Amino acid sequence: MNDLERQTIDGSGAAACRYLALRVIEQAFRDLTSTDGTRADHESARAFLAGSPIFYRWCEIANVSAALTIARATTLKDGCPFL
């Protein structure tokens, strides 16, 4: 993370950035487990939650453990018959 990015996140928008990052990760979990989504939605969520480069960035901003999030996604994915 460069100094400009750090200043932006550490400033007054930090809570908003964290909220957005958490919602992005949460939506990926919804897409992964939804029975209404398309195959492409499921595959995209699976690839994201498996540890795509941007996933790690969102986890850093959200201040959540990427390893634990990946482990949880793997557990859910293994229980989904449509994946």
Protein backbone atom coordinates (compact mmCIF):
# COMPACT_ATOMS: atom_id res chain seq x y z
CA MET A 1 0.00 0.00 0.00
CA ASN A 2 1.47 3.36 -0.94
CA ASP A 3 1.36 6.50 1.23
CA LEU A 4 -1.53 8.07 -0.67
CA GLU A 5 -3.70 4.95 -0.26
CA ARG A 6 -2.80 4.77 3.44
CA GLN A 7 -3.73 8.42 3.98
CA THR A 8 -7.06 7.91 2.23
CA ILE A 9 -7.94 4.86 4.32
CA ASP A 10 -6.63 6.34 7.59
CA GLY A 11 -8.58 9.56 7.07
CA SER A 12 -12.24 10.23 7.72
CA GLY A 13 -13.33 7.65 5.16
CA ALA A 14 -11.78 4.70 7.00
CA ALA A 15 -15.06 3.46 8.42
CA ALA A 16 -16.77 3.80 5.05
CA CYS A 17 -13.97 1.91 3.32
CA ARG A 18 -14.11 -0.87 5.89
CA TYR A 19 -17.90 -1.09 5.57
CA LEU A 20 -17.66 -1.32 1.78
CA ALA A 21 -14.97 -4.00 1.96
CA LEU A 22 -17.05 -6.07 4.38
CA ARG A 23 -20.08 -5.77 2.10
CA VAL A 24 -18.04 -6.90 -0.94
CA ILE A 25 -16.87 -10.00 0.92
CA GLU A 26 -20.37 -10.64 2.26
CA GLN A 27 -21.85 -10.40 -1.25
CA ALA A 28 -19.33 -12.94 -2.50
CA PHE A 29 -20.52 -15.36 0.19
CA ARG A 30 -24.12 -14.74 -0.86
CA ASP A 31 -23.24 -15.36 -4.51
CA LEU A 32 -21.37 -18.52 -3.56
CA THR A 33 -24.26 -20.05 -1.66
CA SER A 34 -27.28 -18.66 -3.51
CA THR A 35 -29.53 -21.14 -5.28
CA ASP A 36 -30.89 -18.30 -7.44
CA GLY A 37 -27.61 -17.15 -8.94
CA THR A 38 -26.17 -18.13 -12.27
CA ARG A 39 -23.31 -20.57 -12.69
CA ALA A 40 -21.12 -17.58 -13.60
CA ASP A 41 -22.04 -15.87 -10.30
CA HIS A 42 -21.08 -18.99 -8.36
CA GLU A 43 -17.83 -19.44 -10.25
CA SER A 44 -16.87 -15.78 -9.88
CA ALA A 45 -17.56 -15.86 -6.13
CA ARG A 46 -15.64 -19.12 -5.77
CA ALA A 47 -12.61 -17.71 -7.60
CA PHE A 48 -12.72 -14.50 -5.55
CA LEU A 49 -13.08 -16.30 -2.21
CA ALA A 50 -10.36 -18.79 -3.12
CA GLY A 51 -7.83 -16.00 -2.77
CA SER A 52 -7.77 -13.77 -5.81
CA PRO A 53 -5.34 -10.84 -5.52
CA ILE A 54 -8.16 -8.31 -5.05
CA PHE A 55 -9.68 -10.53 -2.35
CA TYR A 56 -6.58 -10.02 -0.20
CA ARG A 57 -6.85 -6.26 -0.68
CA TRP A 58 -10.51 -6.24 0.39
CA CYS A 59 -9.64 -8.34 3.45
CA GLU A 60 -6.87 -5.91 4.36
CA ILE A 61 -9.24 -2.95 4.11
CA ALA A 62 -11.99 -4.80 6.03
CA ASN A 63 -9.46 -5.86 8.65
CA VAL A 64 -10.47 -9.51 8.44
CA SER A 65 -8.29 -12.60 8.20
CA ALA A 66 -7.98 -13.71 4.59
CA ALA A 67 -6.95 -17.23 5.68
CA LEU A 68 -10.00 -17.67 7.91
CA THR A 69 -12.29 -16.25 5.24
CA ILE A 70 -10.90 -18.64 2.63
CA ALA A 71 -11.31 -21.55 5.05
CA ARG A 72 -14.94 -20.60 5.68
CA ALA A 73 -15.63 -20.24 1.95
CA THR A 74 -14.10 -23.65 1.31
CA THR A 75 -16.35 -25.20 3.96
CA LEU A 76 -19.43 -23.61 2.40
CA LYS A 77 -18.37 -24.46 -1.13
CA ASP A 78 -17.90 -28.11 -0.20
CA GLY A 79 -21.48 -28.20 1.08
CA CYS A 80 -23.00 -26.66 -2.06
CA PRO A 81 -24.24 -29.29 -4.52
CA PHE A 82 -24.48 -26.83 -7.41
CA LEU A 83 -20.76 -25.98 -7.44
